[in-house]
Amino acid sequence: MLVPRDQASVALRIRTRTFTELSKQARQQMPISDADMEKLKTAILNGLHSGHKTLEQLLRQVPGNLVKDFGPDLKRIGLTNSLTLAINLLREEGKVLKQQGKKRLDSTEYAFVLTSNVVPEADPFNLRMEEACAQLAAQYFRAEAPARVKDFAWWAGINVTDAIKGAGEVKPKLVPIPVEGTKDEFLISESDLEAFANFKAPEAAINFIPYRDTYLKGQREVVNRFVPEEHADKPFSRWKGKLINDPLATIIFNGRVVGVWEWNEDEEEVDLLFFDSSIPKSVEKAIHKRANELASFIRANLGEVRLQGSDYGPHQMTGIHDLKEYWGKGAQVNVQV
C-alpha cells in the first residue's frame, strides 16, 4: 500500500490481519509450535537490523530447523511455509515492511525491512484503534461524502462497529443528508454542507480518470450511481477472467462513466472506447478534444509511461482492447492460461 508518511501509523494500525487469523484457525495443523514461531520471528527481526533482506537472504540467515514446509491443506489457504508466515505476521504487527527492491512501483523484486528503519516515528500500537478509525474516517468522508458508514467500513477493511465509532468521533461532526432514490443514511461533514448545497455542476463536464483511481473504489455500490447497470462489468479489469474491483482509466461525462481510455505507447495517442454507440456526436467530439489535450500533455511532460501494473498479461487483464471481448459476459469468464 502507498500512504503519506504522516499517515503511516494509521495505515499500520488498521491494516487487515489475514495471516494472523488464518494462523489461529490452522494452529493444530502447523508443524511448528508457537514458541518456535516466536523464535523464528525474533531471528528475522535480528537479521533485518543490519539492513533490508530478500526472502532468499533471510532463508540463509535464520536457523534452518525453524523453517518448515506446510502441507497441501495449509497451502490451499495461502500458508506455504513457516518463514513466509512469520514474515507476514511481522508485517501485520507493523514491525516489518515489504519494499520494491529497485524502488519502482513496477518492480517485481522485493525485500523486507524493519518499519523502524523506514518510518521511525510510526508506532502503530501506541495509537488507539478508535483514534485511528476516526482519523481515517475524517479523510474518507472528506473525499467521498456523501457516503454511508458501511461504505467506509468496506473501503477501510474494518468492521461496521469500528466504522460507526470512528465516524462518530470525526470533527467537525458528520451529519446525515438525504440522497434521492434511497432510504440509506448518507453522511457529510457539517463544515461541507453549505458548499455542497451551493455547488452547481458545469454543463457537459468531462473528466479523464486515471487507472485505479478511487472514483470507482471509494464506495461499495457504484452500479446505477456512477455506472449504468448494463455497463457494470466494463470499467474494471479481470484476473483470470474474473471481474475484480480494479478500475480502468475511465471517461466521465456529467458524473457517469461512459467509456474507458488508455495511452497508446506506439502511436503516442490516447485510445478511447465508448460503452454506448448512441452517445451524442457533440459529446463524443468534446471527449476527443479532451483526449487530444491529454495526449499533448503526456507527450510534452512525461517520459516513460506505464498505465498498467507489471503483472499485466493473461492473468491480470487491464488493456481496454483485450477486455472489450468480455463485455457483457458477466463477472466470471473462463480463460485458458
C-alpha atoms as a PDB file:
ATOM      1  CA  MET A   1       0.000   0.000   0.000  1.00  0.00           C
ATOM      2  CA  LEU A   2       1.036   3.603  -0.568  1.00  0.00           C
ATOM      3  CA  VAL A   3       0.266   6.186   2.109  1.00  0.00           C
ATOM      4  CA  PRO A   4       1.607   9.611   3.056  1.00  0.00           C
ATOM      5  CA  ARG A   5       4.368   9.319   5.638  1.00  0.00           C
ATOM      6  CA  ASP A   6       2.371  11.168   8.303  1.00  0.00           C
ATOM      7  CA  GLN A   7      -0.418   8.567   7.990  1.00  0.00           C
ATOM      8  CA  ALA A   8       1.807   5.508   8.323  1.00  0.00           C
ATOM      9  CA  SER A   9       0.756   4.806  11.920  1.00  0.00           C
ATOM     10  CA  VAL A  10      -2.934   4.853  10.951  1.00  0.00           C
ATOM     11  CA  ALA A  11      -2.374   2.552   7.962  1.00  0.00           C
ATOM     12  CA  LEU A  12      -0.314   0.083  10.002  1.00  0.00           C
ATOM     13  CA  ARG A  13      -2.776   0.119  12.900  1.00  0.00           C
ATOM     14  CA  ILE A  14      -5.856  -0.546  10.776  1.00  0.00           C
ATOM     15  CA  ARG A  15      -4.408  -2.919   8.191  1.00  0.00           C
ATOM     16  CA  THR A  16      -6.099  -6.298   7.822  1.00  0.00           C
ATOM     17  CA  ARG A  17      -4.822  -9.238   9.879  1.00  0.00           C
ATOM     18  CA  THR A  18      -5.456 -12.005   7.345  1.00  0.00           C
ATOM     19  CA  PHE A  19      -2.437 -14.166   8.206  1.00  0.00           C
ATOM     20  CA  THR A  20      -2.911 -13.640  11.928  1.00  0.00           C
ATOM     21  CA  GLU A  21      -6.454 -15.001  11.697  1.00  0.00           C
ATOM     22  CA  LEU A  22      -5.512 -17.838   9.340  1.00  0.00           C
ATOM     23  CA  SER A  23      -2.680 -18.970  11.609  1.00  0.00           C
ATOM     24  CA  LYS A  24      -5.042 -19.069  14.598  1.00  0.00           C
ATOM     25  CA  GLN A  25      -7.563 -21.152  12.678  1.00  0.00           C
ATOM     26  CA  ALA A  26      -4.918 -23.559  11.360  1.00  0.00           C
ATOM     27  CA  ARG A  27      -2.906 -23.794  14.596  1.00  0.00           C
ATOM     28  CA  GLN A  28      -3.456 -27.551  15.052  1.00  0.00           C
ATOM     29  CA  GLN A  29      -2.260 -28.370  11.512  1.00  0.00           C
ATOM     30  CA  MET A  30       1.027 -26.487  11.681  1.00  0.00           C
ATOM     31  CA  PRO A  31       4.300 -28.418  12.042  1.00  0.00           C
ATOM     32  CA  ILE A  32       5.796 -25.621  14.173  1.00  0.00           C
ATOM     33  CA  SER A  33       4.979 -24.696  17.766  1.00  0.00           C
ATOM     34  CA  ASP A  34       4.018 -21.219  18.975  1.00  0.00           C
ATOM     35  CA  ALA A  35       7.341 -20.988  20.836  1.00  0.00           C
ATOM     36  CA  ASP A  36       9.357 -21.843  17.717  1.00  0.00           C
ATOM     37  CA  MET A  37       7.320 -19.383  15.641  1.00  0.00           C
ATOM     38  CA  GLU A  38       8.265 -16.635  18.108  1.00  0.00           C
ATOM     39  CA  LYS A  39      11.937 -17.689  17.857  1.00  0.00           C
ATOM     40  CA  LEU A  40      11.691 -17.512  14.069  1.00  0.00           C
ATOM     41  CA  LYS A  41      10.133 -14.043  14.184  1.00  0.00           C
ATOM     42  CA  THR A  42      12.909 -12.874  16.535  1.00  0.00           C
ATOM     43  CA  ALA A  43      15.561 -14.304  14.177  1.00  0.00           C
ATOM     44  CA  ILE A  44      14.003 -12.412  11.253  1.00  0.00           C
ATOM     45  CA  LEU A  45      13.992  -9.137  13.193  1.00  0.00           C
ATOM     46  CA  ASN A  46      17.618  -9.664  14.221  1.00  0.00           C
ATOM     47  CA  GLY A  47      18.557 -10.357  10.625  1.00  0.00           C
ATOM     48  CA  LEU A  48      16.904  -7.137   9.443  1.00  0.00           C
ATOM     49  CA  HIS A  49      18.735  -4.937  11.959  1.00  0.00           C
ATOM     50  CA  SER A  50      21.683  -4.753   9.559  1.00  0.00           C
ATOM     51  CA  GLY A  51      19.515  -3.651   6.626  1.00  0.00           C
ATOM     52  CA  HIS A  52      16.932  -4.887   4.120  1.00  0.00           C
ATOM     53  CA  LYS A  53      16.960  -8.552   3.129  1.00  0.00           C
ATOM     54  CA  THR A  54      15.314 -10.585   0.388  1.00  0.00           C
ATOM     55  CA  LEU A  55      13.408 -13.757   1.210  1.00  0.00           C
ATOM     56  CA  GLU A  56      16.367 -15.816  -0.012  1.00  0.00           C
ATOM     57  CA  GLN A  57      18.785 -13.901   2.228  1.00  0.00           C
ATOM     58  CA  LEU A  58      16.541 -14.398   5.248  1.00  0.00           C
ATOM     59  CA  LEU A  59      16.250 -18.092   4.453  1.00  0.00           C
ATOM     60  CA  ARG A  60      20.044 -18.423   4.658  1.00  0.00           C
ATOM     61  CA  GLN A  61      20.223 -16.387   7.861  1.00  0.00           C
ATOM     62  CA  VAL A  62      17.556 -17.865  10.144  1.00  0.00           C
ATOM     63  CA  PRO A  63      18.001 -21.252  11.891  1.00  0.00           C
ATOM     64  CA  GLY A  64      17.185 -23.961   9.388  1.00  0.00           C
ATOM     65  CA  ASN A  65      15.347 -26.130  11.911  1.00  0.00           C
ATOM     66  CA  LEU A  66      12.720 -23.383  12.291  1.00  0.00           C
ATOM     67  CA  VAL A  67      11.868 -23.305   8.583  1.00  0.00           C
ATOM     68  CA  LYS A  68       9.092 -25.826   7.986  1.00  0.00           C
ATOM     69  CA  ASP A  69       7.263 -26.555   4.769  1.00  0.00           C
ATOM     70  CA  PHE A  70       3.482 -26.741   5.162  1.00  0.00           C
ATOM     71  CA  GLY A  71       1.193 -29.447   3.846  1.00  0.00           C
ATOM     72  CA  PRO A  72      -1.309 -29.163   0.984  1.00  0.00           C
ATOM     73  CA  ASP A  73      -4.242 -28.239   3.267  1.00  0.00           C
ATOM     74  CA  LEU A  74      -2.382 -25.212   4.589  1.00  0.00           C
ATOM     75  CA  LYS A  75      -1.077 -24.264   1.152  1.00  0.00           C
ATOM     76  CA  ARG A  76      -4.643 -24.317  -0.108  1.00  0.00           C
ATOM     77  CA  ILE A  77      -5.461 -21.389   2.206  1.00  0.00           C
ATOM     78  CA  GLY A  78      -2.303 -19.434   1.368  1.00  0.00           C
ATOM     79  CA  LEU A  79       0.102 -20.700   4.068  1.00  0.00           C
ATOM     80  CA  THR A  80       3.146 -22.187   2.317  1.00  0.00           C
ATOM     81  CA  ASN A  81       5.878 -22.402   4.969  1.00  0.00           C
ATOM     82  CA  SER A  82       6.833 -21.102   8.401  1.00  0.00           C
ATOM     83  CA  LEU A  83       9.264 -18.446   7.112  1.00  0.00           C
ATOM     84  CA  THR A  84       6.802 -16.648   4.847  1.00  0.00           C
ATOM     85  CA  LEU A  85       4.122 -16.925   7.535  1.00  0.00           C
ATOM     86  CA  ALA A  86       6.454 -15.410  10.158  1.00  0.00           C
ATOM     87  CA  ILE A  87       7.292 -12.522   7.812  1.00  0.00           C
ATOM     88  CA  ASN A  88       3.608 -11.863   7.107  1.00  0.00           C
ATOM     89  CA  LEU A  89       2.786 -11.965  10.819  1.00  0.00           C
ATOM     90  CA  LEU A  90       5.523  -9.395  11.476  1.00  0.00           C
ATOM     91  CA  ARG A  91       4.119  -7.236   8.682  1.00  0.00           C
ATOM     92  CA  GLU A  92       0.653  -7.404  10.226  1.00  0.00           C
ATOM     93  CA  GLU A  93       2.174  -6.469  13.590  1.00  0.00           C
ATOM     94  CA  GLY A  94       3.620  -3.353  11.969  1.00  0.00           C
ATOM     95  CA  LYS A  95       7.245  -4.377  12.615  1.00  0.00           C
ATOM     96  CA  VAL A  96       8.316  -5.221   9.037  1.00  0.00           C
ATOM     97  CA  LEU A  97       7.631  -3.603   5.670  1.00  0.00           C
ATOM     98  CA  LYS A  98       7.840  -5.097   2.197  1.00  0.00           C
ATOM     99  CA  GLN A  99       9.533  -2.860  -0.363  1.00  0.00           C
ATOM    100  CA  GLN A 100      10.204  -2.973  -4.080  1.00  0.00           C
ATOM    101  CA  GLY A 101      13.877  -3.816  -4.468  1.00  0.00           C
ATOM    102  CA  LYS A 102      14.532  -1.157  -7.117  1.00  0.00           C
ATOM    103  CA  LYS A 103      12.197   1.412  -5.508  1.00  0.00           C
ATOM    104  CA  ARG A 104       9.947   1.325  -8.588  1.00  0.00           C
ATOM    105  CA  LEU A 105       6.226   0.611  -8.439  1.00  0.00           C
ATOM    106  CA  ASP A 106       6.503  -1.793 -11.391  1.00  0.00           C
ATOM    107  CA  SER A 107       9.370  -3.787  -9.876  1.00  0.00           C
ATOM    108  CA  THR A 108       8.751  -7.456  -9.086  1.00  0.00           C
ATOM    109  CA  GLU A 109      11.840  -7.724  -6.857  1.00  0.00           C
ATOM    110  CA  TYR A 110      11.035  -7.332  -3.176  1.00  0.00           C
ATOM    111  CA  ALA A 111      12.959  -7.027   0.062  1.00  0.00           C
ATOM    112  CA  PHE A 112      11.959  -6.738   3.708  1.00  0.00           C
ATOM    113  CA  VAL A 113      13.000  -4.005   6.102  1.00  0.00           C
ATOM    114  CA  LEU A 114      12.292  -3.010   9.682  1.00  0.00           C
ATOM    115  CA  THR A 115       9.499  -0.465   9.946  1.00  0.00           C
ATOM    116  CA  SER A 116      11.611   1.461  12.451  1.00  0.00           C
ATOM    117  CA  ASN A 117      14.344   1.894   9.825  1.00  0.00           C
ATOM    118  CA  VAL A 118      11.928   3.448   7.317  1.00  0.00           C
ATOM    119  CA  VAL A 119       9.481   5.403   9.463  1.00  0.00           C
ATOM    120  CA  PRO A 120      10.980   5.540  12.975  1.00  0.00           C
ATOM    121  CA  GLU A 121       8.287   7.978  14.051  1.00  0.00           C
ATOM    122  CA  ALA A 122       5.496   5.465  13.315  1.00  0.00           C
ATOM    123  CA  ASP A 123       4.376   3.440  16.330  1.00  0.00           C
ATOM    124  CA  PRO A 124       1.022   1.998  15.285  1.00  0.00           C
ATOM    125  CA  PHE A 125       0.225   0.207  18.530  1.00  0.00           C
ATOM    126  CA  ASN A 126       0.625   3.404  20.548  1.00  0.00           C
ATOM    127  CA  LEU A 127      -2.411   4.604  18.587  1.00  0.00           C
ATOM    128  CA  ARG A 128      -5.856   3.644  19.887  1.00  0.00           C
ATOM    129  CA  MET A 129      -7.932   1.769  17.320  1.00  0.00           C
ATOM    130  CA  GLU A 130     -10.763   4.276  17.859  1.00  0.00           C
ATOM    131  CA  GLU A 131      -8.409   7.182  17.172  1.00  0.00           C
ATOM    132  CA  ALA A 132      -7.008   5.520  14.049  1.00  0.00           C
ATOM    133  CA  CYS A 133     -10.542   4.855  12.747  1.00  0.00           C
ATOM    134  CA  ALA A 134     -11.544   8.463  13.465  1.00  0.00           C
ATOM    135  CA  GLN A 135      -8.549   9.836  11.560  1.00  0.00           C
ATOM    136  CA  LEU A 136      -9.265   7.546   8.633  1.00  0.00           C
ATOM    137  CA  ALA A 137     -12.996   8.359   8.715  1.00  0.00           C
ATOM    138  CA  ALA A 138     -12.250  12.087   8.568  1.00  0.00           C
ATOM    139  CA  GLN A 139     -10.094  11.557   5.490  1.00  0.00           C
ATOM    140  CA  TYR A 140     -12.598   9.200   3.864  1.00  0.00           C
ATOM    141  CA  PHE A 141     -15.668  11.401   4.251  1.00  0.00           C
ATOM    142  CA  ARG A 142     -13.700  14.470   3.191  1.00  0.00           C
ATOM    143  CA  ALA A 143     -13.008  12.712  -0.116  1.00  0.00           C
ATOM    144  CA  GLU A 144     -16.134  10.573  -0.613  1.00  0.00           C
ATOM    145  CA  ALA A 145     -19.070  12.301   1.105  1.00  0.00           C
ATOM    146  CA  PRO A 146     -21.969  11.937   0.855  1.00  0.00           C
ATOM    147  CA  ALA A 147     -21.258   8.320   1.810  1.00  0.00           C
ATOM    148  CA  ARG A 148     -22.556   5.674   4.193  1.00  0.00           C
ATOM    149  CA  VAL A 149     -20.860   4.193   7.238  1.00  0.00           C
ATOM    150  CA  LYS A 150     -20.967   0.773   5.580  1.00  0.00           C
ATOM    151  CA  ASP A 151     -19.129   2.272   2.575  1.00  0.00           C
ATOM    152  CA  PHE A 152     -16.409   3.491   4.927  1.00  0.00           C
ATOM    153  CA  ALA A 153     -16.202   0.076   6.641  1.00  0.00           C
ATOM    154  CA  TRP A 154     -15.900  -1.706   3.272  1.00  0.00           C
ATOM    155  CA  TRP A 155     -13.304   0.752   1.951  1.00  0.00           C
ATOM    156  CA  ALA A 156     -11.189   0.658   5.125  1.00  0.00           C
ATOM    157  CA  GLY A 157     -11.467  -3.107   5.621  1.00  0.00           C
ATOM    158  CA  ILE A 158     -12.806  -2.758   9.168  1.00  0.00           C
ATOM    159  CA  ASN A 159     -15.994  -3.978  10.831  1.00  0.00           C
ATOM    160  CA  VAL A 160     -19.090  -1.783  10.887  1.00  0.00           C
ATOM    161  CA  THR A 161     -18.886  -1.320  14.680  1.00  0.00           C
ATOM    162  CA  ASP A 162     -15.404   0.221  14.434  1.00  0.00           C
ATOM    163  CA  ALA A 163     -16.583   2.288  11.448  1.00  0.00           C
ATOM    164  CA  ILE A 164     -19.527   3.678  13.434  1.00  0.00           C
ATOM    165  CA  LYS A 165     -17.245   4.581  16.349  1.00  0.00           C
ATOM    166  CA  GLY A 166     -14.711   6.210  14.030  1.00  0.00           C
ATOM    167  CA  ALA A 167     -17.340   8.215  12.161  1.00  0.00           C
ATOM    168  CA  GLY A 168     -18.816   9.343  15.473  1.00  0.00           C
ATOM    169  CA  GLU A 169     -15.504  10.883  16.545  1.00  0.00           C
ATOM    170  CA  VAL A 170     -14.927  12.911  13.374  1.00  0.00           C
ATOM    171  CA  LYS A 171     -14.617  16.666  13.943  1.00  0.00           C
ATOM    172  CA  PRO A 172     -16.393  18.711  12.588  1.00  0.00           C
ATOM    173  CA  LYS A 173     -19.132  16.158  13.089  1.00  0.00           C
ATOM    174  CA  LEU A 174     -20.748  14.203  10.288  1.00  0.00           C
ATOM    175  CA  VAL A 175     -24.420  14.919   9.612  1.00  0.00           C
ATOM    176  CA  PRO A 176     -26.996  12.953   7.557  1.00  0.00           C
ATOM    177  CA  ILE A 177     -28.085  14.191   4.159  1.00  0.00           C
ATOM    178  CA  PRO A 178     -30.930  12.792   2.010  1.00  0.00           C
ATOM    179  CA  VAL A 179     -29.958  11.132  -1.270  1.00  0.00           C
ATOM    180  CA  GLU A 180     -32.576  10.682  -3.952  1.00  0.00           C
ATOM    181  CA  GLY A 181     -33.661   7.119  -4.643  1.00  0.00           C
ATOM    182  CA  THR A 182     -32.526   5.548  -1.359  1.00  0.00           C
ATOM    183  CA  LYS A 183     -33.504   5.396   2.303  1.00  0.00           C
ATOM    184  CA  ASP A 184     -29.907   4.763   3.393  1.00  0.00           C
ATOM    185  CA  GLU A 185     -28.269   7.349   5.633  1.00  0.00           C
ATOM    186  CA  PHE A 186     -25.540   9.240   3.807  1.00  0.00           C
ATOM    187  CA  LEU A 187     -23.158  11.386   5.844  1.00  0.00           C
ATOM    188  CA  ILE A 188     -21.227  14.558   5.103  1.00  0.00           C
ATOM    189  CA  SER A 189     -19.086  16.846   7.239  1.00  0.00           C
ATOM    190  CA  GLU A 190     -21.073  19.660   8.816  1.00  0.00           C
ATOM    191  CA  SER A 191     -18.466  22.113   7.529  1.00  0.00           C
ATOM    192  CA  ASP A 192     -19.052  20.983   3.924  1.00  0.00           C
ATOM    193  CA  LEU A 193     -22.827  21.317   3.931  1.00  0.00           C
ATOM    194  CA  GLU A 194     -23.026  24.886   2.636  1.00  0.00           C
ATOM    195  CA  ALA A 195     -20.515  24.332  -0.167  1.00  0.00           C
ATOM    196  CA  PHE A 196     -22.279  21.108  -1.122  1.00  0.00           C
ATOM    197  CA  ALA A 197     -25.706  22.787  -1.209  1.00  0.00           C
ATOM    198  CA  ASN A 198     -24.394  25.679  -3.322  1.00  0.00           C
ATOM    199  CA  PHE A 199     -22.445  23.550  -5.782  1.00  0.00           C
ATOM    200  CA  LYS A 200     -23.592  23.730  -9.399  1.00  0.00           C
ATOM    201  CA  ALA A 201     -22.054  21.267 -11.808  1.00  0.00           C
ATOM    202  CA  PRO A 202     -20.751  22.746 -15.066  1.00  0.00           C
ATOM    203  CA  GLU A 203     -22.606  21.789 -18.220  1.00  0.00           C
ATOM    204  CA  ALA A 204     -21.107  18.885 -20.144  1.00  0.00           C
ATOM    205  CA  ALA A 205     -18.387  18.188 -17.538  1.00  0.00           C
ATOM    206  CA  ILE A 206     -15.803  15.782 -18.979  1.00  0.00           C
ATOM    207  CA  ASN A 207     -13.059  14.155 -16.929  1.00  0.00           C
ATOM    208  CA  PHE A 208     -10.430  11.526 -17.680  1.00  0.00           C
ATOM    209  CA  ILE A 209      -9.886   9.461 -14.518  1.00  0.00           C
ATOM    210  CA  PRO A 210      -6.614   7.505 -14.210  1.00  0.00           C
ATOM    211  CA  TYR A 211      -6.165   3.764 -13.756  1.00  0.00           C
ATOM    212  CA  ARG A 212      -7.024   2.545 -10.222  1.00  0.00           C
ATOM    213  CA  ASP A 213      -8.462   5.909  -9.208  1.00  0.00           C
ATOM    214  CA  THR A 214     -10.731   5.886  -6.144  1.00  0.00           C
ATOM    215  CA  TYR A 215     -13.695   7.292  -8.115  1.00  0.00           C
ATOM    216  CA  LEU A 216     -14.977   3.730  -8.597  1.00  0.00           C
ATOM    217  CA  LYS A 217     -13.339   2.264  -5.475  1.00  0.00           C
ATOM    218  CA  GLY A 218     -14.391   4.683  -2.766  1.00  0.00           C
ATOM    219  CA  GLN A 219     -17.928   3.375  -2.252  1.00  0.00           C
ATOM    220  CA  ARG A 220     -19.288  -0.127  -2.124  1.00  0.00           C
ATOM    221  CA  GLU A 221     -22.149   0.350  -4.573  1.00  0.00           C
ATOM    222  CA  VAL A 222     -21.296   2.212  -7.774  1.00  0.00           C
ATOM    223  CA  VAL A 223     -23.652   0.486 -10.227  1.00  0.00           C
ATOM    224  CA  ASN A 224     -26.580   2.742 -11.183  1.00  0.00           C
ATOM    225  CA  ARG A 225     -24.881   5.580  -9.330  1.00  0.00           C
ATOM    226  CA  PHE A 226     -21.727   6.112 -11.375  1.00  0.00           C
ATOM    227  CA  VAL A 227     -22.014   3.237 -13.860  1.00  0.00           C
ATOM    228  CA  PRO A 228     -25.262   2.217 -15.640  1.00  0.00           C
ATOM    229  CA  GLU A 229     -26.223  -1.370 -14.823  1.00  0.00           C
ATOM    230  CA  GLU A 230     -25.935  -2.502 -18.454  1.00  0.00           C
ATOM    231  CA  HIS A 231     -22.278  -1.433 -18.438  1.00  0.00           C
ATOM    232  CA  ALA A 232     -21.428  -2.625 -14.906  1.00  0.00           C
ATOM    233  CA  ASP A 233     -18.663  -5.046 -15.972  1.00  0.00           C
ATOM    234  CA  LYS A 234     -16.909  -2.726 -18.408  1.00  0.00           C
ATOM    235  CA  PRO A 235     -14.781  -0.255 -16.402  1.00  0.00           C
ATOM    236  CA  PHE A 236     -12.978  -2.959 -14.362  1.00  0.00           C
ATOM    237  CA  SER A 237     -10.066  -5.280 -15.026  1.00  0.00           C
ATOM    238  CA  ARG A 238     -10.127  -9.060 -14.673  1.00  0.00           C
ATOM    239  CA  TRP A 239      -7.993 -11.707 -13.008  1.00  0.00           C
ATOM    240  CA  LYS A 240      -8.061 -14.991 -14.930  1.00  0.00           C
ATOM    241  CA  GLY A 241     -11.386 -13.919 -16.389  1.00  0.00           C
ATOM    242  CA  LYS A 242     -12.941 -12.994 -13.042  1.00  0.00           C
ATOM    243  CA  LEU A 243     -14.095  -9.412 -12.642  1.00  0.00           C
ATOM    244  CA  ILE A 244     -12.186  -7.640  -9.846  1.00  0.00           C
ATOM    245  CA  ASN A 245     -12.568  -4.283  -8.122  1.00  0.00           C
ATOM    246  CA  ASP A 246      -9.689  -2.726 -10.049  1.00  0.00           C
ATOM    247  CA  PRO A 247     -10.940   0.253 -12.079  1.00  0.00           C
ATOM    248  CA  LEU A 248      -9.551   1.026 -15.501  1.00  0.00           C
ATOM    249  CA  ALA A 249      -8.796   4.552 -16.668  1.00  0.00           C
ATOM    250  CA  THR A 250     -12.293   5.890 -17.275  1.00  0.00           C
ATOM    251  CA  ILE A 251     -14.056   8.666 -19.177  1.00  0.00           C
ATOM    252  CA  ILE A 252     -16.551  10.556 -17.003  1.00  0.00           C
ATOM    253  CA  PHE A 253     -19.332  12.658 -18.518  1.00  0.00           C
ATOM    254  CA  ASN A 254     -21.560  14.557 -16.085  1.00  0.00           C
ATOM    255  CA  GLY A 255     -20.533  12.240 -13.248  1.00  0.00           C
ATOM    256  CA  ARG A 256     -21.268   8.989 -15.112  1.00  0.00           C
ATOM    257  CA  VAL A 257     -18.780   6.565 -16.635  1.00  0.00           C
ATOM    258  CA  VAL A 258     -19.296   6.493 -20.414  1.00  0.00           C
ATOM    259  CA  GLY A 259     -16.116   4.766 -21.568  1.00  0.00           C
ATOM    260  CA  VAL A 260     -12.512   3.844 -20.897  1.00  0.00           C
ATOM    261  CA  TRP A 261      -9.192   5.183 -22.167  1.00  0.00           C
ATOM    262  CA  GLU A 262      -5.529   4.233 -22.230  1.00  0.00           C
ATOM    263  CA  TRP A 263      -2.234   5.593 -23.507  1.00  0.00           C
ATOM    264  CA  ASN A 264      -1.094   4.029 -26.785  1.00  0.00           C
ATOM    265  CA  GLU A 265       2.703   3.959 -26.481  1.00  0.00           C
ATOM    266  CA  ASP A 266       3.264   3.073 -30.124  1.00  0.00           C
ATOM    267  CA  GLU A 267       1.080   5.832 -31.550  1.00  0.00           C
ATOM    268  CA  GLU A 268       1.673   8.256 -28.655  1.00  0.00           C
ATOM    269  CA  GLU A 269      -2.041   8.954 -28.573  1.00  0.00           C
ATOM    270  CA  VAL A 270      -4.913   8.368 -26.172  1.00  0.00           C
ATOM    271  CA  ASP A 271      -7.132   5.450 -27.231  1.00  0.00           C
ATOM    272  CA  LEU A 272     -10.839   5.653 -26.408  1.00  0.00           C
ATOM    273  CA  LEU A 273     -13.577   3.022 -26.105  1.00  0.00           C
ATOM    274  CA  PHE A 274     -17.158   4.161 -25.503  1.00  0.00           C
ATOM    275  CA  PHE A 275     -19.694   1.879 -23.822  1.00  0.00           C
ATOM    276  CA  ASP A 276     -22.655   3.093 -25.859  1.00  0.00           C
ATOM    277  CA  SER A 277     -22.611   3.842 -29.586  1.00  0.00           C
ATOM    278  CA  SER A 278     -25.570   6.191 -29.176  1.00  0.00           C
ATOM    279  CA  ILE A 279     -23.536   8.798 -27.321  1.00  0.00           C
ATOM    280  CA  PRO A 280     -24.349  12.215 -28.852  1.00  0.00           C
ATOM    281  CA  LYS A 281     -21.895  13.347 -31.534  1.00  0.00           C
ATOM    282  CA  SER A 282     -21.378  16.673 -29.789  1.00  0.00           C
ATOM    283  CA  VAL A 283     -20.352  14.863 -26.573  1.00  0.00           C
ATOM    284  CA  GLU A 284     -18.102  12.468 -28.488  1.00  0.00           C
ATOM    285  CA  LYS A 285     -16.423  15.409 -30.200  1.00  0.00           C
ATOM    286  CA  ALA A 286     -15.824  17.157 -26.863  1.00  0.00           C
ATOM    287  CA  ILE A 287     -14.359  13.964 -25.375  1.00  0.00           C
ATOM    288  CA  HIS A 288     -11.986  13.551 -28.324  1.00  0.00           C
ATOM    289  CA  LYS A 289     -10.896  17.163 -27.841  1.00  0.00           C
ATOM    290  CA  ARG A 290     -10.076  16.474 -24.193  1.00  0.00           C
ATOM    291  CA  ALA A 291      -8.245  13.289 -25.214  1.00  0.00           C
ATOM    292  CA  ASN A 292      -6.062  15.267 -27.613  1.00  0.00           C
ATOM    293  CA  GLU A 293      -5.269  17.752 -24.856  1.00  0.00           C
ATOM    294  CA  LEU A 294      -4.311  14.910 -22.517  1.00  0.00           C
ATOM    295  CA  ALA A 295      -2.140  13.296 -25.188  1.00  0.00           C
ATOM    296  CA  SER A 296      -0.342  16.601 -25.765  1.00  0.00           C
ATOM    297  CA  PHE A 297       0.314  16.895 -22.033  1.00  0.00           C
ATOM    298  CA  ILE A 298       1.686  13.341 -21.797  1.00  0.00           C
ATOM    299  CA  ARG A 299       3.973  13.818 -24.800  1.00  0.00           C
ATOM    300  CA  ALA A 300       5.276  17.159 -23.511  1.00  0.00           C
ATOM    301  CA  ASN A 301       5.650  16.396 -19.818  1.00  0.00           C
ATOM    302  CA  LEU A 302       6.014  12.672 -19.202  1.00  0.00           C
ATOM    303  CA  GLY A 303       8.780  10.317 -20.198  1.00  0.00           C
ATOM    304  CA  GLU A 304       8.275   6.592 -19.691  1.00  0.00           C
ATOM    305  CA  VAL A 305       4.582   5.937 -19.156  1.00  0.00           C
ATOM    306  CA  ARG A 306       3.079   2.763 -17.699  1.00  0.00           C
ATOM    307  CA  LEU A 307      -0.649   2.712 -17.122  1.00  0.00           C
ATOM    308  CA  GLN A 308      -0.872  -0.970 -16.248  1.00  0.00           C
ATOM    309  CA  GLY A 309       0.851  -2.928 -13.495  1.00  0.00           C
ATOM    310  CA  SER A 310       3.821  -5.186 -14.161  1.00  0.00           C
ATOM    311  CA  ASP A 311       1.519  -8.223 -13.878  1.00  0.00           C
ATOM    312  CA  TYR A 312      -0.383  -7.117 -16.988  1.00  0.00           C
ATOM    313  CA  GLY A 313      -0.935 -10.103 -19.254  1.00  0.00           C
ATOM    314  CA  PRO A 314      -3.090 -13.230 -19.426  1.00  0.00           C
ATOM    315  CA  HIS A 315      -3.770 -13.281 -15.659  1.00  0.00           C
ATOM    316  CA  GLN A 316      -4.273  -9.596 -14.831  1.00  0.00           C
ATOM    317  CA  MET A 317      -6.162  -8.165 -17.802  1.00  0.00           C
ATOM    318  CA  THR A 318      -6.148  -4.363 -17.859  1.00  0.00           C
ATOM    319  CA  GLY A 319      -5.759  -3.433 -21.548  1.00  0.00           C
ATOM    320  CA  ILE A 320      -9.023  -1.949 -22.800  1.00  0.00           C
ATOM    321  CA  HIS A 321      -8.897  -3.657 -26.206  1.00  0.00           C
ATOM    322  CA  ASP A 322      -8.254  -7.097 -24.627  1.00  0.00           C
ATOM    323  CA  LEU A 323     -11.061  -6.592 -22.141  1.00  0.00           C
ATOM    324  CA  LYS A 324     -13.637  -5.462 -24.683  1.00  0.00           C
ATOM    325  CA  GLU A 325     -14.243  -9.050 -25.839  1.00  0.00           C
ATOM    326  CA  TYR A 326     -15.534  -9.898 -22.346  1.00  0.00           C
ATOM    327  CA  TRP A 327     -18.005  -7.012 -22.149  1.00  0.00           C
ATOM    328  CA  GLY A 328     -21.496  -8.220 -21.358  1.00  0.00           C
ATOM    329  CA  LYS A 329     -20.387 -11.766 -20.497  1.00  0.00           C
ATOM    330  CA  GLY A 330     -20.769 -11.391 -16.736  1.00  0.00           C
ATOM    331  CA  ALA A 331     -18.486 -11.298 -13.738  1.00  0.00           C
ATOM    332  CA  GLN A 332     -16.823 -14.683 -14.370  1.00  0.00           C
ATOM    333  CA  VAL A 333     -15.436 -15.802 -17.725  1.00  0.00           C
ATOM    334  CA  ASN A 334     -13.454 -18.981 -18.323  1.00  0.00           C
ATOM    335  CA  VAL A 335      -9.992 -18.113 -19.585  1.00  0.00           C
ATOM    336  CA  GLN A 336      -7.356 -20.626 -20.680  1.00  0.00           C
ATOM    337  CA  VAL A 337      -3.897 -19.531 -19.428  1.00  0.00           C
END
